Amino acid sequence: MTFALCLYSAMFMRFAIKVQPRNMLLFACHFVNEGAQITQGCRFIKHHYLSKKEQ
């Protein structure tokens, strides 16, 4: 889901810049969302693939 939301935010950041007049509020919202989803994806990878499993 995180990967899908990253793509979604990237597409709509581009849309917000290309549309006339430019919608900078929409761009800012998707920019922040992109950062949050990248952070969440990094946390997921770190937890599931890079951390040692202790039992």
PDB file of N, CA and C in Angstrom:
ATOM      1  N   MET A   1       0.824  -1.194   0.000  1.00  0.00           N
ATOM      2  CA  MET A   1       0.000   0.000   0.000  1.00  0.00           C
ATOM      3  C   MET A   1       0.870   1.260   0.000  1.00  0.00           C
ATOM      4  N   THR A   2       1.961   1.201   0.745  1.00  0.00           N
ATOM      5  CA  THR A   2       2.853   2.363   0.807  1.00  0.00           C
ATOM      6  C   THR A   2       3.404   2.703  -0.575  1.00  0.00           C
ATOM      7  N   PHE A   3       3.792   1.671  -1.328  1.00  0.00           N
ATOM      8  CA  PHE A   3       4.325   1.904  -2.671  1.00  0.00           C
ATOM      9  C   PHE A   3       3.270   2.558  -3.568  1.00  0.00           C
ATOM     10  N   ALA A   4       2.035   2.087  -3.464  1.00  0.00           N
ATOM     11  CA  ALA A   4       0.948   2.662  -4.264  1.00  0.00           C
ATOM     12  C   ALA A   4       0.722   4.127  -3.897  1.00  0.00           C
ATOM     13  N   LEU A   5       0.775   4.448  -2.617  1.00  0.00           N
ATOM     14  CA  LEU A   5       0.578   5.837  -2.195  1.00  0.00           C
ATOM     15  C   LEU A   5       1.743   6.725  -2.620  1.00  0.00           C
ATOM     16  N   CYS A   6       2.950   6.171  -2.679  1.00  0.00           N
ATOM     17  CA  CYS A   6       4.093   6.941  -3.194  1.00  0.00           C
ATOM     18  C   CYS A   6       3.864   7.311  -4.660  1.00  0.00           C
ATOM     19  N   LEU A   7       3.437   6.336  -5.452  1.00  0.00           N
ATOM     20  CA  LEU A   7       3.160   6.618  -6.867  1.00  0.00           C
ATOM     21  C   LEU A   7       2.021   7.621  -7.027  1.00  0.00           C
ATOM     22  N   TYR A   8       0.978   7.451  -6.232  1.00  0.00           N
ATOM     23  CA  TYR A   8      -0.172   8.354  -6.275  1.00  0.00           C
ATOM     24  C   TYR A   8       0.261   9.789  -5.969  1.00  0.00           C
ATOM     25  N   SER A   9       1.046   9.962  -4.916  1.00  0.00           N
ATOM     26  CA  SER A   9       1.488  11.307  -4.544  1.00  0.00           C
ATOM     27  C   SER A   9       2.397  11.906  -5.602  1.00  0.00           C
ATOM     28  N   ALA A  10       3.266  11.082  -6.170  1.00  0.00           N
ATOM     29  CA  ALA A  10       4.162  11.578  -7.214  1.00  0.00           C
ATOM     30  C   ALA A  10       3.369  12.043  -8.437  1.00  0.00           C
ATOM     31  N   MET A  11       2.361  11.264  -8.835  1.00  0.00           N
ATOM     32  CA  MET A  11       1.542  11.652  -9.989  1.00  0.00           C
ATOM     33  C   MET A  11       0.808  12.960  -9.731  1.00  0.00           C
ATOM     34  N   PHE A  12       0.246  13.112  -8.542  1.00  0.00           N
ATOM     35  CA  PHE A  12      -0.533  14.313  -8.283  1.00  0.00           C
ATOM     36  C   PHE A  12       0.344  15.525  -7.968  1.00  0.00           C
ATOM     37  N   MET A  13       1.591  15.310  -7.543  1.00  0.00           N
ATOM     38  CA  MET A  13       2.513  16.449  -7.445  1.00  0.00           C
ATOM     39  C   MET A  13       2.762  17.007  -8.838  1.00  0.00           C
ATOM     40  N   ARG A  14       2.980  16.115  -9.801  1.00  0.00           N
ATOM     41  CA  ARG A  14       3.191  16.555 -11.174  1.00  0.00           C
ATOM     42  C   ARG A  14       1.941  17.257 -11.713  1.00  0.00           C
ATOM     43  N   PHE A  15       0.773  16.673 -11.441  1.00  0.00           N
ATOM     44  CA  PHE A  15      -0.487  17.281 -11.889  1.00  0.00           C
ATOM     45  C   PHE A  15      -0.657  18.681 -11.315  1.00  0.00           C
ATOM     46  N   ALA A  16      -0.340  18.854 -10.025  1.00  0.00           N
ATOM     47  CA  ALA A  16      -0.524  20.151  -9.369  1.00  0.00           C
ATOM     48  C   ALA A  16       0.359  21.231  -9.993  1.00  0.00           C
ATOM     49  N   ILE A  17       1.511  20.833 -10.516  1.00  0.00           N
ATOM     50  CA  ILE A  17       2.407  21.797 -11.165  1.00  0.00           C
ATOM     51  C   ILE A  17       1.953  22.087 -12.599  1.00  0.00           C
ATOM     52  N   LYS A  18       1.479  21.064 -13.316  1.00  0.00           N
ATOM     53  CA  LYS A  18       1.128  21.220 -14.728  1.00  0.00           C
ATOM     54  C   LYS A  18      -0.191  21.948 -14.958  1.00  0.00           C
ATOM     55  N   VAL A  19      -1.145  21.824 -14.038  1.00  0.00           N
ATOM     56  CA  VAL A  19      -2.457  22.431 -14.228  1.00  0.00           C
ATOM     57  C   VAL A  19      -2.332  23.959 -14.147  1.00  0.00           C
ATOM     58  N   GLN A  20      -3.197  24.652 -14.878  1.00  0.00           N
ATOM     59  CA  GLN A  20      -3.193  26.115 -14.844  1.00  0.00           C
ATOM     60  C   GLN A  20      -4.467  26.616 -14.195  1.00  0.00           C
ATOM     61  N   PRO A  21      -4.460  27.460 -13.224  1.00  0.00           N
ATOM     62  CA  PRO A  21      -3.286  27.961 -12.513  1.00  0.00           C
ATOM     63  C   PRO A  21      -2.704  26.883 -11.597  1.00  0.00           C
ATOM     64  N   ARG A  22      -1.423  27.010 -11.324  1.00  0.00           N
ATOM     65  CA  ARG A  22      -0.744  26.019 -10.490  1.00  0.00           C
ATOM     66  C   ARG A  22      -1.369  25.955  -9.110  1.00  0.00           C
ATOM     67  N   ASN A  23      -1.536  24.744  -8.633  1.00  0.00           N
ATOM     68  CA  ASN A  23      -2.147  24.525  -7.328  1.00  0.00           C
ATOM     69  C   ASN A  23      -1.040  24.136  -6.346  1.00  0.00           C
ATOM     70  N   MET A  24      -0.440  25.132  -5.720  1.00  0.00           N
ATOM     71  CA  MET A  24       0.697  24.876  -4.838  1.00  0.00           C
ATOM     72  C   MET A  24       0.277  24.228  -3.521  1.00  0.00           C
ATOM     73  N   LEU A  25      -0.955  24.455  -3.081  1.00  0.00           N
ATOM     74  CA  LEU A  25      -1.428  23.791  -1.866  1.00  0.00           C
ATOM     75  C   LEU A  25      -1.549  22.283  -2.100  1.00  0.00           C
ATOM     76  N   LEU A  26      -2.098  21.885  -3.232  1.00  0.00           N
ATOM     77  CA  LEU A  26      -2.180  20.465  -3.575  1.00  0.00           C
ATOM     78  C   LEU A  26      -0.785  19.866  -3.693  1.00  0.00           C
ATOM     79  N   PHE A  27       0.131  20.602  -4.313  1.00  0.00           N
ATOM     80  CA  PHE A  27       1.510  20.134  -4.431  1.00  0.00           C
ATOM     81  C   PHE A  27       2.129  19.927  -3.054  1.00  0.00           C
ATOM     82  N   ALA A  28       1.941  20.879  -2.158  1.00  0.00           N
ATOM     83  CA  ALA A  28       2.525  20.779  -0.818  1.00  0.00           C
ATOM     84  C   ALA A  28       1.954  19.589  -0.049  1.00  0.00           C
ATOM     85  N   CYS A  29       0.655  19.376  -0.157  1.00  0.00           N
ATOM     86  CA  CYS A  29       0.031  18.231   0.533  1.00  0.00           C
ATOM     87  C   CYS A  29       0.615  16.912   0.041  1.00  0.00           C
ATOM     88  N   HIS A  30       0.757  16.772  -1.268  1.00  0.00           N
ATOM     89  CA  HIS A  30       1.293  15.524  -1.806  1.00  0.00           C
ATOM     90  C   HIS A  30       2.792  15.404  -1.563  1.00  0.00           C
ATOM     91  N   PHE A  31       3.486  16.511  -1.479  1.00  0.00           N
ATOM     92  CA  PHE A  31       4.912  16.477  -1.151  1.00  0.00           C
ATOM     93  C   PHE A  31       5.119  15.934   0.261  1.00  0.00           C
ATOM     94  N   VAL A  32       4.331  16.426   1.202  1.00  0.00           N
ATOM     95  CA  VAL A  32       4.421  15.947   2.589  1.00  0.00           C
ATOM     96  C   VAL A  32       4.008  14.479   2.664  1.00  0.00           C
ATOM     97  N   ASN A  33       2.949  14.114   1.948  1.00  0.00           N
ATOM     98  CA  ASN A  33       2.510  12.717   1.943  1.00  0.00           C
ATOM     99  C   ASN A  33       3.579  11.807   1.355  1.00  0.00           C
ATOM    100  N   GLU A  34       4.240  12.249   0.310  1.00  0.00           N
ATOM    101  CA  GLU A  34       5.326  11.465  -0.290  1.00  0.00           C
ATOM    102  C   GLU A  34       6.432  11.214   0.730  1.00  0.00           C
ATOM    103  N   GLY A  35       6.813  12.252   1.458  1.00  0.00           N
ATOM    104  CA  GLY A  35       7.830  12.086   2.497  1.00  0.00           C
ATOM    105  C   GLY A  35       7.397  11.122   3.587  1.00  0.00           C
ATOM    106  N   ALA A  36       6.144  11.208   4.000  1.00  0.00           N
ATOM    107  CA  ALA A  36       5.633  10.307   5.038  1.00  0.00           C
ATOM    108  C   ALA A  36       5.614   8.863   4.548  1.00  0.00           C
ATOM    109  N   GLN A  37       5.220   8.644   3.303  1.00  0.00           N
ATOM    110  CA  GLN A  37       5.162   7.281   2.781  1.00  0.00           C
ATOM    111  C   GLN A  37       6.556   6.698   2.575  1.00  0.00           C
ATOM    112  N   ILE A  38       7.506   7.514   2.153  1.00  0.00           N
ATOM    113  CA  ILE A  38       8.885   7.037   2.018  1.00  0.00           C
ATOM    114  C   ILE A  38       9.441   6.660   3.382  1.00  0.00           C
ATOM    115  N   THR A  39       9.163   7.477   4.392  1.00  0.00           N
ATOM    116  CA  THR A  39       9.595   7.166   5.754  1.00  0.00           C
ATOM    117  C   THR A  39       8.974   5.861   6.225  1.00  0.00           C
ATOM    118  N   GLN A  40       7.685   5.679   5.985  1.00  0.00           N
ATOM    119  CA  GLN A  40       6.996   4.450   6.388  1.00  0.00           C
ATOM    120  C   GLN A  40       7.572   3.239   5.658  1.00  0.00           C
ATOM    121  N   GLY A  41       7.869   3.390   4.388  1.00  0.00           N
ATOM    122  CA  GLY A  41       8.470   2.300   3.622  1.00  0.00           C
ATOM    123  C   GLY A  41       9.843   1.929   4.146  1.00  0.00           C
ATOM    124  N   CYS A  42      10.638   2.925   4.505  1.00  0.00           N
ATOM    125  CA  CYS A  42      11.963   2.662   5.083  1.00  0.00           C
ATOM    126  C   CYS A  42      11.846   1.940   6.414  1.00  0.00           C
ATOM    127  N   ARG A  43      10.889   2.340   7.228  1.00  0.00           N
ATOM    128  CA  ARG A  43      10.668   1.666   8.511  1.00  0.00           C
ATOM    129  C   ARG A  43      10.260   0.207   8.300  1.00  0.00           C
ATOM    130  N   PHE A  44       9.402  -0.039   7.316  1.00  0.00           N
ATOM    131  CA  PHE A  44       8.958  -1.399   7.010  1.00  0.00           C
ATOM    132  C   PHE A  44      10.135  -2.268   6.587  1.00  0.00           C
ATOM    133  N   ILE A  45      10.952  -1.754   5.668  1.00  0.00           N
ATOM    134  CA  ILE A  45      12.108  -2.514   5.185  1.00  0.00           C
ATOM    135  C   ILE A  45      13.091  -2.771   6.314  1.00  0.00           C
ATOM    136  N   LYS A  46      13.348  -1.763   7.118  1.00  0.00           N
ATOM    137  CA  LYS A  46      14.275  -1.931   8.239  1.00  0.00           C
ATOM    138  C   LYS A  46      13.770  -2.990   9.211  1.00  0.00           C
ATOM    139  N   HIS A  47      12.490  -2.965   9.533  1.00  0.00           N
ATOM    140  CA  HIS A  47      11.932  -3.904  10.508  1.00  0.00           C
ATOM    141  C   HIS A  47      11.894  -5.335   9.970  1.00  0.00           C
ATOM    142  N   HIS A  48      11.449  -5.499   8.724  1.00  0.00           N
ATOM    143  CA  HIS A  48      11.234  -6.841   8.195  1.00  0.00           C
ATOM    144  C   HIS A  48      12.467  -7.464   7.551  1.00  0.00           C
ATOM    145  N   TYR A  49      13.395  -6.666   7.064  1.00  0.00           N
ATOM    146  CA  TYR A  49      14.502  -7.228   6.310  1.00  0.00           C
ATOM    147  C   TYR A  49      15.879  -6.947   6.893  1.00  0.00           C
ATOM    148  N   LEU A  50      16.035  -5.888   7.656  1.00  0.00           N
ATOM    149  CA  LEU A  50      17.367  -5.521   8.120  1.00  0.00           C
ATOM    150  C   LEU A  50      17.609  -5.783   9.601  1.00  0.00           C
ATOM    151  N   SER A  51      16.555  -5.941  10.369  1.00  0.00           N
ATOM    152  CA  SER A  51      16.747  -6.163  11.804  1.00  0.00           C
ATOM    153  C   SER A  51      16.928  -7.652  12.082  1.00  0.00           C
ATOM    154  N   LYS A  52      17.678  -7.940  13.142  1.00  0.00           N
ATOM    155  CA  LYS A  52      17.899  -9.328  13.539  1.00  0.00           C
ATOM    156  C   LYS A  52      16.674  -9.837  14.279  1.00  0.00           C
ATOM    157  N   LYS A  53      16.297 -11.058  13.970  1.00  0.00           N
ATOM    158  CA  LYS A  53      15.155 -11.679  14.636  1.00  0.00           C
ATOM    159  C   LYS A  53      15.627 -12.304  15.949  1.00  0.00           C
ATOM    160  N   GLU A  54      15.051 -11.844  17.050  1.00  0.00           N
ATOM    161  CA  GLU A  54      15.383 -12.401  18.362  1.00  0.00           C
ATOM    162  C   GLU A  54      14.159 -13.089  18.936  1.00  0.00           C
ATOM    163  N   GLN A  55      14.374 -14.284  19.497  1.00  0.00           N
ATOM    164  CA  GLN A  55      13.247 -15.005  20.095  1.00  0.00           C
ATOM    165  C   GLN A  55      13.567 -15.444  21.487  1.00  0.00           C
TER     166      GLN A  55
END
